[in-house]
Amino acid sequence: MASEWHTLASQKLFLAQTLLRQRPEQPGPAHEAHLQGCIELALRARQTLLALLANYYQHKHQRPSNLAELQALIGAEATDSRALAELENQAGSWWNHLEQLAVHQSRPPAKKKTVSDDNIIAVAVDTGPERSPEALERTLAGMKVFLADLAERHEEW
């Protein structure tokens, strides 16, 4: 059963990479659709990874939706729990990037204020997480490496 979850996670990552590579170069609705689709597939792959881990730890019918739920199932001291917790707290890691993207993607776009002579004030605008194709490619590649390492560790038993 674990191999099916691994296959599904790998498939989602492959589809995300394929969608990312086929995006139109010009900004517009199709470009945005490709980026958001890639992000959604990566988030789905992360959910599948959590189910895979639950399965590896003999919780075959559990589907944790986040790291806290996984840790409640397998223990916070389990090797894989600790590895994911480190990734969660490490700026620039694939897990941390996906967490930022999940939050950003689940919120409506910020309203842009109009500029006039009366309201010109310098303010920092939250631009959200890095959504460039290069950043998404790094995140997908990091996740793919983690998934391969995970399978190698667990499937040697």
C-alpha atoms as a PDB file:
ATOM      1  CA  MET A   1       0.000   0.000   0.000  1.00  0.00           C
ATOM      2  CA  ALA A   2       2.844   2.405   0.764  1.00  0.00           C
ATOM      3  CA  SER A   3       4.138   2.062  -2.783  1.00  0.00           C
ATOM      4  CA  GLU A   4       0.785   3.278  -4.134  1.00  0.00           C
ATOM      5  CA  TRP A   5       1.033   6.431  -1.999  1.00  0.00           C
ATOM      6  CA  HIS A   6       4.611   6.941  -3.139  1.00  0.00           C
ATOM      7  CA  THR A   7       3.532   6.536  -6.763  1.00  0.00           C
ATOM      8  CA  LEU A   8       0.682   9.011  -6.291  1.00  0.00           C
ATOM      9  CA  ALA A   9       2.973  11.604  -4.673  1.00  0.00           C
ATOM     10  CA  SER A  10       5.534  11.143  -7.468  1.00  0.00           C
ATOM     11  CA  GLN A  11       2.788  11.508 -10.061  1.00  0.00           C
ATOM     12  CA  LYS A  12       1.572  14.781  -8.531  1.00  0.00           C
ATOM     13  CA  LEU A  13       5.128  16.143  -8.528  1.00  0.00           C
ATOM     14  CA  PHE A  14       5.654  15.093 -12.145  1.00  0.00           C
ATOM     15  CA  LEU A  15       2.392  16.767 -13.190  1.00  0.00           C
ATOM     16  CA  ALA A  16       3.323  19.940 -11.302  1.00  0.00           C
ATOM     17  CA  GLN A  17       6.701  20.059 -13.040  1.00  0.00           C
ATOM     18  CA  THR A  18       5.090  19.413 -16.414  1.00  0.00           C
ATOM     19  CA  LEU A  19       2.537  22.179 -15.895  1.00  0.00           C
ATOM     20  CA  LEU A  20       5.241  24.576 -14.742  1.00  0.00           C
ATOM     21  CA  ARG A  21       7.383  23.891 -17.809  1.00  0.00           C
ATOM     22  CA  GLN A  22       4.445  24.374 -20.194  1.00  0.00           C
ATOM     23  CA  ARG A  23       3.359  27.748 -18.834  1.00  0.00           C
ATOM     24  CA  PRO A  24       3.067  30.655 -21.254  1.00  0.00           C
ATOM     25  CA  GLU A  25       5.885  33.168 -20.984  1.00  0.00           C
ATOM     26  CA  GLN A  26       3.670  36.253 -21.154  1.00  0.00           C
ATOM     27  CA  PRO A  27       1.847  37.281 -17.981  1.00  0.00           C
ATOM     28  CA  GLY A  28      -1.879  36.785 -18.151  1.00  0.00           C
ATOM     29  CA  PRO A  29      -4.650  34.422 -17.112  1.00  0.00           C
ATOM     30  CA  ALA A  30      -3.078  31.325 -18.715  1.00  0.00           C
ATOM     31  CA  HIS A  31       0.279  32.016 -17.041  1.00  0.00           C
ATOM     32  CA  GLU A  32      -1.439  32.493 -13.675  1.00  0.00           C
ATOM     33  CA  ALA A  33      -3.500  29.328 -14.179  1.00  0.00           C
ATOM     34  CA  HIS A  34      -0.326  27.333 -14.807  1.00  0.00           C
ATOM     35  CA  LEU A  35       1.362  28.740 -11.685  1.00  0.00           C
ATOM     36  CA  GLN A  36      -1.645  28.159  -9.450  1.00  0.00           C
ATOM     37  CA  GLY A  37      -2.175  24.686 -10.891  1.00  0.00           C
ATOM     38  CA  CYS A  38       1.449  23.825 -10.214  1.00  0.00           C
ATOM     39  CA  ILE A  39       1.138  25.057  -6.631  1.00  0.00           C
ATOM     40  CA  GLU A  40      -2.078  23.092  -6.063  1.00  0.00           C
ATOM     41  CA  LEU A  41      -0.485  19.905  -7.406  1.00  0.00           C
ATOM     42  CA  ALA A  42       2.534  20.439  -5.146  1.00  0.00           C
ATOM     43  CA  LEU A  43       0.242  20.935  -2.155  1.00  0.00           C
ATOM     44  CA  ARG A  44      -1.638  17.764  -3.096  1.00  0.00           C
ATOM     45  CA  ALA A  45       1.688  15.920  -3.325  1.00  0.00           C
ATOM     46  CA  ARG A  46       2.499  17.145   0.193  1.00  0.00           C
ATOM     47  CA  GLN A  47      -0.839  15.800   1.466  1.00  0.00           C
ATOM     48  CA  THR A  48      -0.055  12.491  -0.201  1.00  0.00           C
ATOM     49  CA  LEU A  49       3.392  12.499   1.419  1.00  0.00           C
ATOM     50  CA  LEU A  50       1.738  12.839   4.835  1.00  0.00           C
ATOM     51  CA  ALA A  51      -0.546   9.884   4.044  1.00  0.00           C
ATOM     52  CA  LEU A  52       2.487   7.901   2.888  1.00  0.00           C
ATOM     53  CA  LEU A  53       4.253   8.568   6.182  1.00  0.00           C
ATOM     54  CA  ALA A  54       1.184   7.570   8.175  1.00  0.00           C
ATOM     55  CA  ASN A  55       1.130   4.376   6.157  1.00  0.00           C
ATOM     56  CA  TYR A  56       4.825   3.682   6.794  1.00  0.00           C
ATOM     57  CA  TYR A  57       4.126   3.980  10.518  1.00  0.00           C
ATOM     58  CA  GLN A  58       1.238   1.491  10.343  1.00  0.00           C
ATOM     59  CA  HIS A  59      -1.603   4.038  10.389  1.00  0.00           C
ATOM     60  CA  LYS A  60      -3.006   2.821   7.088  1.00  0.00           C
ATOM     61  CA  HIS A  61      -6.437   4.424   7.374  1.00  0.00           C
ATOM     62  CA  GLN A  62      -5.311   7.806   8.679  1.00  0.00           C
ATOM     63  CA  ARG A  63      -4.896  10.819   6.412  1.00  0.00           C
ATOM     64  CA  PRO A  64      -3.183  13.610   8.364  1.00  0.00           C
ATOM     65  CA  SER A  65      -3.778  17.006   6.826  1.00  0.00           C
ATOM     66  CA  ASN A  66      -0.761  18.755   8.359  1.00  0.00           C
ATOM     67  CA  LEU A  67       2.456  18.117  10.236  1.00  0.00           C
ATOM     68  CA  ALA A  68       0.849  18.458  13.677  1.00  0.00           C
ATOM     69  CA  GLU A  69      -1.652  15.715  12.855  1.00  0.00           C
ATOM     70  CA  LEU A  70       1.127  13.488  11.534  1.00  0.00           C
ATOM     71  CA  GLN A  71       3.149  14.067  14.702  1.00  0.00           C
ATOM     72  CA  ALA A  72       0.119  13.170  16.807  1.00  0.00           C
ATOM     73  CA  LEU A  73      -0.056   9.864  14.923  1.00  0.00           C
ATOM     74  CA  ILE A  74       3.581   8.819  14.724  1.00  0.00           C
ATOM     75  CA  GLY A  75       5.133  10.913  17.495  1.00  0.00           C
ATOM     76  CA  ALA A  76       7.078  14.150  17.355  1.00  0.00           C
ATOM     77  CA  GLU A  77      10.315  12.280  18.047  1.00  0.00           C
ATOM     78  CA  ALA A  78      10.024   9.964  15.049  1.00  0.00           C
ATOM     79  CA  THR A  79      12.858  10.551  12.592  1.00  0.00           C
ATOM     80  CA  ASP A  80      10.505  11.662   9.826  1.00  0.00           C
ATOM     81  CA  SER A  81       8.562  13.976  12.159  1.00  0.00           C
ATOM     82  CA  ARG A  82      11.777  15.668  13.223  1.00  0.00           C
ATOM     83  CA  ALA A  83      12.977  15.975   9.621  1.00  0.00           C
ATOM     84  CA  LEU A  84       9.738  17.651   8.530  1.00  0.00           C
ATOM     85  CA  ALA A  85       9.706  19.917  11.603  1.00  0.00           C
ATOM     86  CA  GLU A  86      13.227  21.066  10.726  1.00  0.00           C
ATOM     87  CA  LEU A  87      12.129  21.752   7.154  1.00  0.00           C
ATOM     88  CA  GLU A  88       9.080  23.639   8.412  1.00  0.00           C
ATOM     89  CA  ASN A  89      11.291  25.977  10.459  1.00  0.00           C
ATOM     90  CA  GLN A  90      14.043  26.324   7.859  1.00  0.00           C
ATOM     91  CA  ALA A  91      13.615  29.417   5.716  1.00  0.00           C
ATOM     92  CA  GLY A  92      13.880  28.524   2.052  1.00  0.00           C
ATOM     93  CA  SER A  93      13.109  24.830   2.474  1.00  0.00           C
ATOM     94  CA  TRP A  94      10.584  23.181   0.199  1.00  0.00           C
ATOM     95  CA  TRP A  95       8.203  22.538   3.123  1.00  0.00           C
ATOM     96  CA  ASN A  96       8.408  26.133   4.360  1.00  0.00           C
ATOM     97  CA  HIS A  97       7.889  27.453   0.827  1.00  0.00           C
ATOM     98  CA  LEU A  98       4.830  25.234   0.318  1.00  0.00           C
ATOM     99  CA  GLU A  99       3.425  26.404   3.657  1.00  0.00           C
ATOM    100  CA  GLN A 100       3.768  30.031   2.559  1.00  0.00           C
ATOM    101  CA  LEU A 101       2.231  29.254  -0.826  1.00  0.00           C
ATOM    102  CA  ALA A 102      -0.705  27.443   0.813  1.00  0.00           C
ATOM    103  CA  VAL A 103      -1.490  30.448   2.989  1.00  0.00           C
ATOM    104  CA  HIS A 104      -1.076  32.890   0.114  1.00  0.00           C
ATOM    105  CA  GLN A 105      -3.134  30.839  -2.327  1.00  0.00           C
ATOM    106  CA  SER A 106      -6.045  30.432   0.092  1.00  0.00           C
ATOM    107  CA  ARG A 107      -6.552  34.193   0.522  1.00  0.00           C
ATOM    108  CA  PRO A 108      -8.261  36.578  -1.861  1.00  0.00           C
ATOM    109  CA  PRO A 109      -5.928  38.932  -3.726  1.00  0.00           C
ATOM    110  CA  ALA A 110      -5.134  42.160  -1.921  1.00  0.00           C
ATOM    111  CA  LYS A 111      -6.937  45.228  -3.196  1.00  0.00           C
ATOM    112  CA  LYS A 112      -4.690  47.686  -4.919  1.00  0.00           C
ATOM    113  CA  LYS A 113      -5.094  51.279  -3.900  1.00  0.00           C
ATOM    114  CA  THR A 114      -5.270  53.994  -6.480  1.00  0.00           C
ATOM    115  CA  VAL A 115      -2.563  56.600  -6.405  1.00  0.00           C
ATOM    116  CA  SER A 116      -3.365  60.272  -6.412  1.00  0.00           C
ATOM    117  CA  ASP A 117      -1.505  63.392  -5.343  1.00  0.00           C
ATOM    118  CA  ASP A 118      -3.398  63.317  -2.041  1.00  0.00           C
ATOM    119  CA  ASN A 119      -2.499  59.810  -0.965  1.00  0.00           C
ATOM    120  CA  ILE A 120       1.089  59.223  -2.034  1.00  0.00           C
ATOM    121  CA  ILE A 121       2.727  57.566   0.949  1.00  0.00           C
ATOM    122  CA  ALA A 122       5.575  55.102   0.879  1.00  0.00           C
ATOM    123  CA  VAL A 123       4.480  51.795   2.384  1.00  0.00           C
ATOM    124  CA  ALA A 124       5.847  48.304   2.201  1.00  0.00           C
ATOM    125  CA  VAL A 125       3.476  45.960   0.451  1.00  0.00           C
ATOM    126  CA  ASP A 126       3.353  42.277   1.300  1.00  0.00           C
ATOM    127  CA  THR A 127       4.061  40.627  -2.014  1.00  0.00           C
ATOM    128  CA  GLY A 128       3.617  37.124  -0.637  1.00  0.00           C
ATOM    129  CA  PRO A 129       5.890  34.152  -1.152  1.00  0.00           C
ATOM    130  CA  GLU A 130       8.180  33.736  -4.132  1.00  0.00           C
ATOM    131  CA  ARG A 131       6.085  32.379  -7.009  1.00  0.00           C
ATOM    132  CA  SER A 132       8.668  32.501  -9.758  1.00  0.00           C
ATOM    133  CA  PRO A 133       9.036  29.411 -11.927  1.00  0.00           C
ATOM    134  CA  GLU A 134      12.594  29.011 -10.632  1.00  0.00           C
ATOM    135  CA  ALA A 135      11.456  29.038  -6.985  1.00  0.00           C
ATOM    136  CA  LEU A 136       8.666  26.574  -7.740  1.00  0.00           C
ATOM    137  CA  GLU A 137      11.113  24.335  -9.595  1.00  0.00           C
ATOM    138  CA  ARG A 138      13.473  24.342  -6.572  1.00  0.00           C
ATOM    139  CA  THR A 139      10.592  23.465  -4.256  1.00  0.00           C
ATOM    140  CA  LEU A 140       9.431  20.616  -6.471  1.00  0.00           C
ATOM    141  CA  ALA A 141      12.994  19.304  -6.805  1.00  0.00           C
ATOM    142  CA  GLY A 142      13.530  19.430  -3.031  1.00  0.00           C
ATOM    143  CA  MET A 143      10.302  17.585  -2.443  1.00  0.00           C
ATOM    144  CA  LYS A 144      11.227  14.973  -5.019  1.00  0.00           C
ATOM    145  CA  VAL A 145      14.582  14.335  -3.303  1.00  0.00           C
ATOM    146  CA  PHE A 146      12.872  14.052   0.096  1.00  0.00           C
ATOM    147  CA  LEU A 147      10.339  11.589  -1.306  1.00  0.00           C
ATOM    148  CA  ALA A 148      13.084   9.445  -2.859  1.00  0.00           C
ATOM    149  CA  ASP A 149      15.110   9.440   0.376  1.00  0.00           C
ATOM    150  CA  LEU A 150      11.998   8.553   2.339  1.00  0.00           C
ATOM    151  CA  ALA A 151      11.213   5.601   0.094  1.00  0.00           C
ATOM    152  CA  GLU A 152      14.796   4.378   0.255  1.00  0.00           C
ATOM    153  CA  ARG A 153      14.830   4.487   4.083  1.00  0.00           C
ATOM    154  CA  HIS A 154      11.459   2.830   4.589  1.00  0.00           C
ATOM    155  CA  GLU A 155      11.384   0.312   1.784  1.00  0.00           C
ATOM    156  CA  GLU A 156      14.637  -1.351   2.789  1.00  0.00           C
ATOM    157  CA  TRP A 157      12.795  -3.096   5.617  1.00  0.00           C
END
